[in-house]
PDB file of all heavy atoms in Angstrom:
ATOM      1  N   LEU A   1       0.607 224.952-131.575  1.00  0.00           N
ATOM      2  CA  LEU A   1       0.487 224.489-132.963  1.00  0.00           C
ATOM      3  C   LEU A   1       0.547 222.953-133.078  1.00  0.00           C
ATOM      4  O   LEU A   1       1.374 222.338-132.481  1.00  0.00           O
ATOM      5  CB  LEU A   1       1.676 225.107-133.794  1.00  0.00           C
ATOM      6  CG  LEU A   1       1.720 224.830-135.260  1.00  0.00           C
ATOM      7  CD1 LEU A   1       0.547 225.489-136.003  1.00  0.00           C
ATOM      8  CD2 LEU A   1       3.041 225.328-135.832  1.00  0.00           C
ATOM      9  N   ALA A   2      -0.414 222.472-133.845  1.00  0.00           N
ATOM     10  CA  ALA A   2      -0.377 221.007-134.278  1.00  0.00           C
ATOM     11  C   ALA A   2      -0.772 221.054-135.718  1.00  0.00           C
ATOM     12  O   ALA A   2      -1.951 220.807-136.098  1.00  0.00           O
ATOM     13  CB  ALA A   2      -1.310 220.154-133.452  1.00  0.00           C
ATOM     14  N   ALA A   3       0.207 221.361-136.550  1.00  0.00           N
ATOM     15  CA  ALA A   3      -0.044 221.534-137.976  1.00  0.00           C
ATOM     16  C   ALA A   3       0.612 220.502-138.813  1.00  0.00           C
ATOM     17  O   ALA A   3       1.685 220.020-138.462  1.00  0.00           O
ATOM     18  CB  ALA A   3       0.410 222.966-138.415  1.00  0.00           C
ATOM     19  N   SER A   4      -0.010 220.125-139.917  1.00  0.00           N
ATOM     20  CA  SER A   4       0.533 219.169-140.813  1.00  0.00           C
ATOM     21  C   SER A   4       0.935 217.886-140.096  1.00  0.00           C
ATOM     22  O   SER A   4       0.076 217.196-139.497  1.00  0.00           O
ATOM     23  CB  SER A   4       1.623 219.755-141.661  1.00  0.00           C
ATOM     24  OG  SER A   4       1.816 218.994-142.877  1.00  0.00           O
ATOM     25  N   GLY A   5       2.228 217.527-140.092  1.00  0.00           N
ATOM     26  CA  GLY A   5       2.683 216.360-139.372  1.00  0.00           C
ATOM     27  C   GLY A   5       2.352 216.367-137.888  1.00  0.00           C
ATOM     28  O   GLY A   5       2.180 215.343-137.280  1.00  0.00           O
ATOM     29  N   GLY A   6       2.325 217.611-137.286  1.00  0.00           N
ATOM     30  CA  GLY A   6       1.920 217.734-135.913  1.00  0.00           C
ATOM     31  C   GLY A   6       0.478 217.232-135.689  1.00  0.00           C
ATOM     32  O   GLY A   6       0.179 216.573-134.686  1.00  0.00           O
ATOM     33  N   TYR A   7      -0.388 217.501-136.652  1.00  0.00           N
ATOM     34  CA  TYR A   7      -1.739 217.010-136.533  1.00  0.00           C
ATOM     35  C   TYR A   7      -1.857 215.548-136.910  1.00  0.00           C
ATOM     36  O   TYR A   7      -2.651 214.796-136.357  1.00  0.00           O
ATOM     37  CB  TYR A   7      -2.688 217.791-137.401  1.00  0.00           C
ATOM     38  CG  TYR A   7      -4.163 217.394-137.241  1.00  0.00           C
ATOM     39  CD1 TYR A   7      -4.810 217.716-136.025  1.00  0.00           C
ATOM     40  CD2 TYR A   7      -4.810 216.625-138.139  1.00  0.00           C
ATOM     41  CE1 TYR A   7      -6.094 217.286-135.818  1.00  0.00           C
ATOM     42  CE2 TYR A   7      -6.111 216.182-137.944  1.00  0.00           C
ATOM     43  CZ  TYR A   7      -6.732 216.520-136.751  1.00  0.00           C
ATOM     44  OH  TYR A   7      -8.020 216.095-136.526  1.00  0.00           O
ATOM     45  N   PHE A   8      -0.989 215.081-137.834  1.00  0.00           N
ATOM     46  CA  PHE A   8      -0.981 213.654-138.229  1.00  0.00           C
ATOM     47  C   PHE A   8      -0.724 212.830-136.990  1.00  0.00           C
ATOM     48  O   PHE A   8      -1.279 211.794-136.766  1.00  0.00           O
ATOM     49  CB  PHE A   8       0.117 213.431-139.232  1.00  0.00           C
ATOM     50  CG  PHE A   8      -0.048 212.177-140.092  1.00  0.00           C
ATOM     51  CD1 PHE A   8      -0.310 212.308-141.432  1.00  0.00           C
ATOM     52  CD2 PHE A   8       0.063 210.926-139.497  1.00  0.00           C
ATOM     53  CE1 PHE A   8      -0.485 211.136-142.186  1.00  0.00           C
ATOM     54  CE2 PHE A   8      -0.118 209.787-140.239  1.00  0.00           C
ATOM     55  CZ  PHE A   8      -0.376 209.875-141.641  1.00  0.00           C
ATOM     56  N   ILE A   9       0.175 213.279-136.109  1.00  0.00           N
ATOM     57  CA  ILE A   9       0.460 212.595-134.863  1.00  0.00           C
ATOM     58  C   ILE A   9      -0.717 212.697-133.902  1.00  0.00           C
ATOM     59  O   ILE A   9      -1.123 211.744-133.305  1.00  0.00           O
ATOM     60  CB  ILE A   9       1.740 213.235-134.182  1.00  0.00           C
ATOM     61  CG1 ILE A   9       2.977 212.948-135.013  1.00  0.00           C
ATOM     62  CG2 ILE A   9       1.914 212.645-132.762  1.00  0.00           C
ATOM     63  CD1 ILE A   9       4.175 213.740-134.607  1.00  0.00           C
ATOM     64  N   ALA A  10      -1.298 213.905-133.777  1.00  0.00           N
ATOM     65  CA  ALA A  10      -2.359 214.155-132.864  1.00  0.00           C
ATOM     66  C   ALA A  10      -3.596 213.259-133.089  1.00  0.00           C
ATOM     67  O   ALA A  10      -4.179 212.755-132.134  1.00  0.00           O
ATOM     68  CB  ALA A  10      -2.739 215.637-132.870  1.00  0.00           C
ATOM     69  N   MET A  11      -3.948 213.129-134.357  1.00  0.00           N
ATOM     70  CA  MET A  11      -5.216 212.446-134.656  1.00  0.00           C
ATOM     71  C   MET A  11      -5.130 210.976-134.350  1.00  0.00           C
ATOM     72  O   MET A  11      -6.154 210.265-134.282  1.00  0.00           O
ATOM     73  CB  MET A  11      -5.572 212.605-136.168  1.00  0.00           C
ATOM     74  CG  MET A  11      -4.619 211.859-137.082  1.00  0.00           C
ATOM     75  SD  MET A  11      -5.080 212.102-138.795  1.00  0.00           S
ATOM     76  CE  MET A  11      -3.808 211.152-139.617  1.00  0.00           C
ATOM     77  N   THR A  12      -3.942 210.444-134.021  1.00  0.00           N
ATOM     78  CA  THR A  12      -3.768 209.026-133.686  1.00  0.00           C
ATOM     79  C   THR A  12      -4.298 208.722-132.314  1.00  0.00           C
ATOM     80  O   THR A  12      -4.539 207.583-131.940  1.00  0.00           O
ATOM     81  CB  THR A  12      -2.285 208.653-133.694  1.00  0.00           C
ATOM     82  OG1 THR A  12      -1.726 209.230-134.843  1.00  0.00           O
ATOM     83  CG2 THR A  12      -2.083 207.133-133.776  1.00  0.00           C
ATOM     84  N   SER A  13      -4.517 209.713-131.470  1.00  0.00           N
ATOM     85  CA  SER A  13      -4.808 209.560-130.042  1.00  0.00           C
ATOM     86  C   SER A  13      -6.255 209.168-129.797  1.00  0.00           C
ATOM     87  O   SER A  13      -7.086 209.149-130.696  1.00  0.00           O
ATOM     88  CB  SER A  13      -4.479 210.870-129.298  1.00  0.00           C
ATOM     89  OG  SER A  13      -5.380 211.891-129.763  1.00  0.00           O
ATOM     90  N   ASP A  14      -6.605 208.949-128.478  1.00  0.00           N
ATOM     91  CA  ASP A  14      -7.965 208.703-128.077  1.00  0.00           C
ATOM     92  C   ASP A  14      -8.764 210.003-127.974  1.00  0.00           C
ATOM     93  O   ASP A  14      -9.992 209.986-128.058  1.00  0.00           O
ATOM     94  CB  ASP A  14      -7.929 207.951-126.719  1.00  0.00           C
ATOM     95  CG  ASP A  14      -7.327 206.587-126.797  1.00  0.00           C
ATOM     96  OD1 ASP A  14      -7.933 205.741-127.447  1.00  0.00           O
ATOM     97  OD2 ASP A  14      -6.263 206.396-126.231  1.00  0.00           O
ATOM     98  N   TYR A  15      -8.039 211.085-127.741  1.00  0.00           N
ATOM     99  CA  TYR A  15      -8.760 212.335-127.419  1.00  0.00           C
ATOM    100  C   TYR A  15      -7.802 213.497-127.684  1.00  0.00           C
ATOM    101  O   TYR A  15      -6.604 213.459-127.342  1.00  0.00           O
ATOM    102  CB  TYR A  15      -9.190 212.359-125.973  1.00  0.00           C
ATOM    103  CG  TYR A  15     -10.362 213.261-125.644  1.00  0.00           C
ATOM    104  CD1 TYR A  15     -11.644 212.891-125.915  1.00  0.00           C
ATOM    105  CD2 TYR A  15     -10.190 214.459-125.000  1.00  0.00           C
ATOM    106  CE1 TYR A  15     -12.734 213.684-125.554  1.00  0.00           C
ATOM    107  CE2 TYR A  15     -11.224 215.295-124.671  1.00  0.00           C
ATOM    108  CZ  TYR A  15     -12.529 214.889-124.956  1.00  0.00           C
ATOM    109  OH  TYR A  15     -13.623 215.685-124.608  1.00  0.00           O
ATOM    110  N   ILE A  16      -8.339 214.606-128.282  1.00  0.00           N
ATOM    111  CA  ILE A  16      -7.498 215.788-128.600  1.00  0.00           C
ATOM    112  C   ILE A  16      -8.032 217.000-127.901  1.00  0.00           C
ATOM    113  O   ILE A  16      -9.238 217.346-128.086  1.00  0.00           O
ATOM    114  CB  ILE A  16      -7.424 216.040-130.132  1.00  0.00           C
ATOM    115  CG1 ILE A  16      -6.919 214.813-130.883  1.00  0.00           C
ATOM    116  CG2 ILE A  16      -6.485 217.226-130.393  1.00  0.00           C
ATOM    117  CD1 ILE A  16      -6.966 214.972-132.402  1.00  0.00           C
ATOM    118  N   ILE A  17      -7.228 217.688-127.107  1.00  0.00           N
ATOM    119  CA  ILE A  17      -7.604 218.947-126.463  1.00  0.00           C
ATOM    120  C   ILE A  17      -6.672 220.066-126.947  1.00  0.00           C
ATOM    121  O   ILE A  17      -5.484 219.861-127.008  1.00  0.00           O
ATOM    122  CB  ILE A  17      -7.546 218.806-124.928  1.00  0.00           C
ATOM    123  CG1 ILE A  17      -8.539 217.780-124.438  1.00  0.00           C
ATOM    124  CG2 ILE A  17      -7.788 220.129-124.233  1.00  0.00           C
ATOM    125  CD1 ILE A  17      -8.498 217.512-122.946  1.00  0.00           C
ATOM    126  N   ALA A  18      -7.239 221.181-127.338  1.00  0.00           N
ATOM    127  CA  ALA A  18      -6.462 222.337-127.753  1.00  0.00           C
ATOM    128  C   ALA A  18      -7.000 223.540-127.117  1.00  0.00           C
ATOM    129  O   ALA A  18      -8.108 223.582-126.559  1.00  0.00           O
ATOM    130  CB  ALA A  18      -6.531 222.476-129.287  1.00  0.00           C
ATOM    131  N   LYS A  19      -6.218 224.612-127.145  1.00  0.00           N
ATOM    132  CA  LYS A  19      -6.626 225.953-126.600  1.00  0.00           C
ATOM    133  C   LYS A  19      -7.386 226.718-127.673  1.00  0.00           C
ATOM    134  O   LYS A  19      -7.295 226.390-128.850  1.00  0.00           O
ATOM    135  CB  LYS A  19      -5.420 226.661-126.093  1.00  0.00           C
ATOM    136  CG  LYS A  19      -4.735 225.983-124.889  1.00  0.00           C
ATOM    137  CD  LYS A  19      -3.556 226.745-124.363  1.00  0.00           C
ATOM    138  CE  LYS A  19      -2.355 226.722-125.281  1.00  0.00           C
ATOM    139  NZ  LYS A  19      -1.155 227.275-124.703  1.00  0.00           N
ATOM    140  N   GLN A  20      -8.043 227.763-127.205  1.00  0.00           N
ATOM    141  CA  GLN A  20      -8.732 228.653-128.170  1.00  0.00           C
ATOM    142  C   GLN A  20      -7.755 229.182-129.225  1.00  0.00           C
ATOM    143  O   GLN A  20      -8.071 229.343-130.386  1.00  0.00           O
ATOM    144  CB  GLN A  20      -9.436 229.800-127.435  1.00  0.00           C
ATOM    145  CG  GLN A  20     -10.446 229.412-126.385  1.00  0.00           C
ATOM    146  CD  GLN A  20      -9.822 229.317-125.020  1.00  0.00           C
ATOM    147  OE1 GLN A  20      -8.728 228.820-124.851  1.00  0.00           O
ATOM    148  NE2 GLN A  20     -10.508 229.877-124.044  1.00  0.00           N
ATOM    149  N   SER A  21      -6.578 229.561-128.733  1.00  0.00           N
ATOM    150  CA  SER A  21      -5.588 230.202-129.605  1.00  0.00           C
ATOM    151  C   SER A  21      -4.671 229.228-130.353  1.00  0.00           C
ATOM    152  O   SER A  21      -3.835 229.667-131.164  1.00  0.00           O
ATOM    153  CB  SER A  21      -4.666 231.128-128.766  1.00  0.00           C
ATOM    154  OG  SER A  21      -4.104 230.351-127.714  1.00  0.00           O
ATOM    155  N   SER A  22      -4.867 227.942-130.155  1.00  0.00           N
ATOM    156  CA  SER A  22      -4.089 226.941-130.879  1.00  0.00           C
ATOM    157  C   SER A  22      -4.390 226.972-132.321  1.00  0.00           C
ATOM    158  O   SER A  22      -5.498 227.257-132.738  1.00  0.00           O
ATOM    159  CB  SER A  22      -4.327 225.512-130.321  1.00  0.00           C
ATOM    160  OG  SER A  22      -4.047 225.440-128.931  1.00  0.00           O
ATOM    161  N   GLU A  23      -3.395 226.611-133.151  1.00  0.00           N
ATOM    162  CA  GLU A  23      -3.593 226.498-134.603  1.00  0.00           C
ATOM    163  C   GLU A  23      -3.484 224.993-134.927  1.00  0.00           C
ATOM    164  O   GLU A  23      -2.547 224.335-134.592  1.00  0.00           O
ATOM    165  CB  GLU A  23      -2.557 227.279-135.358  1.00  0.00           C
ATOM    166  CG  GLU A  23      -2.712 228.757-135.276  1.00  0.00           C
ATOM    167  CD  GLU A  23      -3.953 229.236-136.008  1.00  0.00           C
ATOM    168  OE1 GLU A  23      -4.268 228.748-137.094  1.00  0.00           O
ATOM    169  OE2 GLU A  23      -4.666 230.141-135.490  1.00  0.00           O
ATOM    170  N   VAL A  24      -4.520 224.513-135.657  1.00  0.00           N
ATOM    171  CA  VAL A  24      -4.603 223.092-135.926  1.00  0.00           C
ATOM    172  C   VAL A  24      -4.928 222.934-137.420  1.00  0.00           C
ATOM    173  O   VAL A  24      -5.689 223.677-137.992  1.00  0.00           O
ATOM    174  CB  VAL A  24      -5.717 222.433-135.093  1.00  0.00           C
ATOM    175  CG1 VAL A  24      -5.919 220.924-135.465  1.00  0.00           C
ATOM    176  CG2 VAL A  24      -5.404 222.515-133.635  1.00  0.00           C
ATOM    177  N   GLY A  25      -4.334 221.881-138.041  1.00  0.00           N
ATOM    178  CA  GLY A  25      -4.678 221.592-139.419  1.00  0.00           C
ATOM    179  C   GLY A  25      -3.502 221.545-140.344  1.00  0.00           C
ATOM    180  O   GLY A  25      -2.564 220.822-140.116  1.00  0.00           O
ATOM    181  N   SER A  26      -3.564 222.323-141.429  1.00  0.00           N
ATOM    182  CA  SER A  26      -2.532 222.336-142.493  1.00  0.00           C
ATOM    183  C   SER A  26      -2.353 220.904-143.004  1.00  0.00           C
ATOM    184  O   SER A  26      -1.189 220.421-143.060  1.00  0.00           O
ATOM    185  CB  SER A  26      -1.217 222.937-141.948  1.00  0.00           C
ATOM    186  OG  SER A  26      -0.297 223.126-143.023  1.00  0.00           O
ATOM    187  N   ILE A  27      -3.384 220.303-143.420  1.00  0.00           N
ATOM    188  CA  ILE A  27      -3.383 218.855-143.842  1.00  0.00           C
ATOM    189  C   ILE A  27      -2.938 218.809-145.251  1.00  0.00           C
ATOM    190  O   ILE A  27      -3.725 219.079-146.210  1.00  0.00           O
ATOM    191  CB  ILE A  27      -4.725 218.231-143.528  1.00  0.00           C
ATOM    192  CG1 ILE A  27      -5.010 218.224-142.029  1.00  0.00           C
ATOM    193  CG2 ILE A  27      -4.781 216.811-144.130  1.00  0.00           C
ATOM    194  CD1 ILE A  27      -6.427 217.944-141.686  1.00  0.00           C
ATOM    195  N   GLY A  28      -1.710 218.428-145.500  1.00  0.00           N
ATOM    196  CA  GLY A  28      -1.192 218.385-146.844  1.00  0.00           C
ATOM    197  C   GLY A  28       0.292 217.955-146.898  1.00  0.00           C
ATOM    198  O   GLY A  28       0.884 217.672-145.825  1.00  0.00           O
ATOM    199  N   VAL A  29       0.850 217.951-148.044  1.00  0.00           N
ATOM    200  CA  VAL A  29       2.172 217.467-148.281  1.00  0.00           C
ATOM    201  C   VAL A  29       2.935 218.369-149.229  1.00  0.00           C
ATOM    202  O   VAL A  29       2.321 219.032-150.060  1.00  0.00           O
ATOM    203  CB  VAL A  29       2.171 216.030-148.956  1.00  0.00           C
ATOM    204  CG1 VAL A  29       3.510 215.350-148.898  1.00  0.00           C
ATOM    205  CG2 VAL A  29       1.077 215.166-148.293  1.00  0.00           C
ATOM    206  N   LEU A  30       4.255 218.448-149.051  1.00  0.00           N
ATOM    207  CA  LEU A  30       5.048 219.206-150.030  1.00  0.00           C
ATOM    208  C   LEU A  30       6.333 218.468-150.269  1.00  0.00           C
ATOM    209  O   LEU A  30       6.782 217.641-149.473  1.00  0.00           O
ATOM    210  CB  LEU A  30       5.335 220.651-149.511  1.00  0.00           C
ATOM    211  CG  LEU A  30       6.038 220.829-148.172  1.00  0.00           C
ATOM    212  CD1 LEU A  30       7.527 220.909-148.365  1.00  0.00           C
ATOM    213  CD2 LEU A  30       5.528 222.092-147.519  1.00  0.00           C
ATOM    214  N   THR A  31       7.008 218.801-151.427  1.00  0.00           N
ATOM    215  CA  THR A  31       8.224 218.199-151.797  1.00  0.00           C
ATOM    216  C   THR A  31       8.942 219.088-152.779  1.00  0.00           C
ATOM    217  O   THR A  31       8.407 220.169-153.108  1.00  0.00           O
ATOM    218  CB  THR A  31       8.064 216.791-152.346  1.00  0.00           C
ATOM    219  OG1 THR A  31       9.361 216.155-152.505  1.00  0.00           O
ATOM    220  CG2 THR A  31       7.398 216.810-153.732  1.00  0.00           C
ATOM    221  N   GLU A  32      10.083 218.657-153.262  1.00  0.00           N
ATOM    222  CA  GLU A  32      10.806 219.399-154.334  1.00  0.00           C
ATOM    223  C   GLU A  32      10.809 218.612-155.595  1.00  0.00           C
ATOM    224  O   GLU A  32      10.892 217.352-155.562  1.00  0.00           O
ATOM    225  CB  GLU A  32      12.247 219.658-153.911  1.00  0.00           C
ATOM    226  CG  GLU A  32      12.437 220.710-152.891  1.00  0.00           C
ATOM    227  CD  GLU A  32      13.881 220.975-152.654  1.00  0.00           C
ATOM    228  OE1 GLU A  32      14.543 220.120-152.035  1.00  0.00           O
ATOM    229  OE2 GLU A  32      14.390 222.011-153.109  1.00  0.00           O
ATOM    230  N   LEU A  33      10.693 219.268-156.738  1.00  0.00           N
ATOM    231  CA  LEU A  33      10.820 218.578-157.989  1.00  0.00           C
ATOM    232  C   LEU A  33      12.288 218.234-158.213  1.00  0.00           C
ATOM    233  O   LEU A  33      13.224 218.893-157.747  1.00  0.00           O
ATOM    234  CB  LEU A  33      10.355 219.472-159.155  1.00  0.00           C
ATOM    235  CG  LEU A  33       8.849 219.697-159.231  1.00  0.00           C
ATOM    236  CD1 LEU A  33       8.519 220.766-160.271  1.00  0.00           C
ATOM    237  CD2 LEU A  33       8.142 218.413-159.561  1.00  0.00           C
ATOM    238  N   PRO A  34      12.522 217.113-158.894  1.00  0.00           N
ATOM    239  CA  PRO A  34      13.975 216.747-159.123  1.00  0.00           C
ATOM    240  C   PRO A  34      14.690 217.784-159.946  1.00  0.00           C
ATOM    241  O   PRO A  34      14.134 218.465-160.793  1.00  0.00           O
ATOM    242  CB  PRO A  34      13.790 215.402-159.919  1.00  0.00           C
ATOM    243  CG  PRO A  34      12.420 215.439-160.494  1.00  0.00           C
ATOM    244  CD  PRO A  34      11.615 216.172-159.530  1.00  0.00           C
ATOM    245  N   THR A  35      15.956 217.921-159.644  1.00  0.00           N
ATOM    246  CA  THR A  35      16.804 218.884-160.302  1.00  0.00           C
ATOM    247  C   THR A  35      16.969 218.518-161.792  1.00  0.00           C
ATOM    248  O   THR A  35      16.927 217.348-162.182  1.00  0.00           O
ATOM    249  CB  THR A  35      18.225 218.902-159.692  1.00  0.00           C
ATOM    250  OG1 THR A  35      19.039 219.813-160.470  1.00  0.00           O
ATOM    251  CG2 THR A  35      18.881 217.563-159.641  1.00  0.00           C
ATOM    252  N   LYS A  36      17.120 219.487-162.615  1.00  0.00           N
ATOM    253  CA  LYS A  36      17.292 219.282-164.059  1.00  0.00           C
ATOM    254  C   LYS A  36      18.729 219.114-164.432  1.00  0.00           C
ATOM    255  O   LYS A  36      19.087 218.736-165.544  1.00  0.00           O
ATOM    256  CB  LYS A  36      16.715 220.484-164.878  1.00  0.00           C
ATOM    257  CG  LYS A  36      15.203 220.671-164.610  1.00  0.00           C
ATOM    258  CD  LYS A  36      14.422 219.533-165.102  1.00  0.00           C
ATOM    259  CE  LYS A  36      12.895 219.828-164.988  1.00  0.00           C
ATOM    260  NZ  LYS A  36      12.068 218.626-165.423  1.00  0.00           N
ATOM    261  N   GLU A  37      19.608 219.340-163.434  1.00  0.00           N
ATOM    262  CA  GLU A  37      21.072 219.253-163.761  1.00  0.00           C
ATOM    263  C   GLU A  37      21.432 217.749-163.940  1.00  0.00           C
ATOM    264  O   GLU A  37      20.990 216.918-163.183  1.00  0.00           O
ATOM    265  CB  GLU A  37      21.849 219.880-162.637  1.00  0.00           C
ATOM    266  CG  GLU A  37      21.634 221.382-162.525  1.00  0.00           C
ATOM    267  CD  GLU A  37      22.417 221.957-161.348  1.00  0.00           C
ATOM    268  OE1 GLU A  37      23.205 221.210-160.728  1.00  0.00           O
ATOM    269  OE2 GLU A  37      22.251 223.117-161.057  1.00  0.00           O
ATOM    270  N   LYS A  38      22.269 217.490-164.878  1.00  0.00           N
ATOM    271  CA  LYS A  38      22.726 216.138-165.188  1.00  0.00           C
ATOM    272  C   LYS A  38      24.220 216.065-165.092  1.00  0.00           C
ATOM    273  O   LYS A  38      24.910 216.979-165.483  1.00  0.00           O
ATOM    274  CB  LYS A  38      22.292 215.644-166.578  1.00  0.00           C
ATOM    275  CG  LYS A  38      20.782 215.684-166.811  1.00  0.00           C
ATOM    276  CD  LYS A  38      20.102 214.546-166.032  1.00  0.00           C
ATOM    277  CE  LYS A  38      18.593 214.527-166.366  1.00  0.00           C
ATOM    278  NZ  LYS A  38      17.877 213.479-165.608  1.00  0.00           N
ATOM    279  N   ASP A  39      24.694 214.991-164.423  1.00  0.00           N
ATOM    280  CA  ASP A  39      26.145 214.786-164.383  1.00  0.00           C
ATOM    281  C   ASP A  39      26.471 213.768-165.504  1.00  0.00           C
ATOM    282  O   ASP A  39      26.072 212.610-165.439  1.00  0.00           O
ATOM    283  CB  ASP A  39      26.510 214.194-163.007  1.00  0.00           C
ATOM    284  CG  ASP A  39      28.015 214.136-162.809  1.00  0.00           C
ATOM    285  OD1 ASP A  39      28.718 214.064-163.855  1.00  0.00           O
ATOM    286  OD2 ASP A  39      28.464 214.115-161.661  1.00  0.00           O
ATOM    287  N   SER A  40      27.191 214.240-166.502  1.00  0.00           N
ATOM    288  CA  SER A  40      27.473 213.411-167.665  1.00  0.00           C
ATOM    289  C   SER A  40      28.365 212.227-167.353  1.00  0.00           C
ATOM    290  O   SER A  40      28.503 211.263-168.143  1.00  0.00           O
ATOM    291  CB  SER A  40      28.112 214.258-168.748  1.00  0.00           C
ATOM    292  OG  SER A  40      29.330 214.840-168.317  1.00  0.00           O
ATOM    293  N   SER A  41      29.024 212.242-166.202  1.00  0.00           N
ATOM    294  CA  SER A  41      29.929 211.140-165.859  1.00  0.00           C
ATOM    295  C   SER A  41      29.145 209.968-165.247  1.00  0.00           C
ATOM    296  O   SER A  41      29.701 208.912-165.085  1.00  0.00           O
ATOM    297  CB  SER A  41      30.982 211.610-164.858  1.00  0.00           C
ATOM    298  OG  SER A  41      30.383 211.989-163.581  1.00  0.00           O
ATOM    299  N   ILE A  42      27.874 210.137-164.908  1.00  0.00           N
ATOM    300  CA  ILE A  42      27.106 209.066-164.343  1.00  0.00           C
ATOM    301  C   ILE A  42      26.330 208.328-165.411  1.00  0.00           C
ATOM    302  O   ILE A  42      25.661 208.849-166.261  1.00  0.00           O
ATOM    303  CB  ILE A  42      26.025 209.629-163.297  1.00  0.00           C
ATOM    304  CG1 ILE A  42      26.777 210.305-162.104  1.00  0.00           C
ATOM    305  CG2 ILE A  42      25.105 208.521-162.842  1.00  0.00           C
ATOM    306  CD1 ILE A  42      25.840 210.906-161.126  1.00  0.00           C
TER     307      ILE A  42
END
């Protein structure tokens, strides 16, 4: 596997070799939305 950040690293190289069964790609980003909870003391 060289997926997402794994592929981000791989593409920096001079040459990429993978096997037939390797999984490559998943080019994207994810995150969490900020919590809706508020601390009234802040």
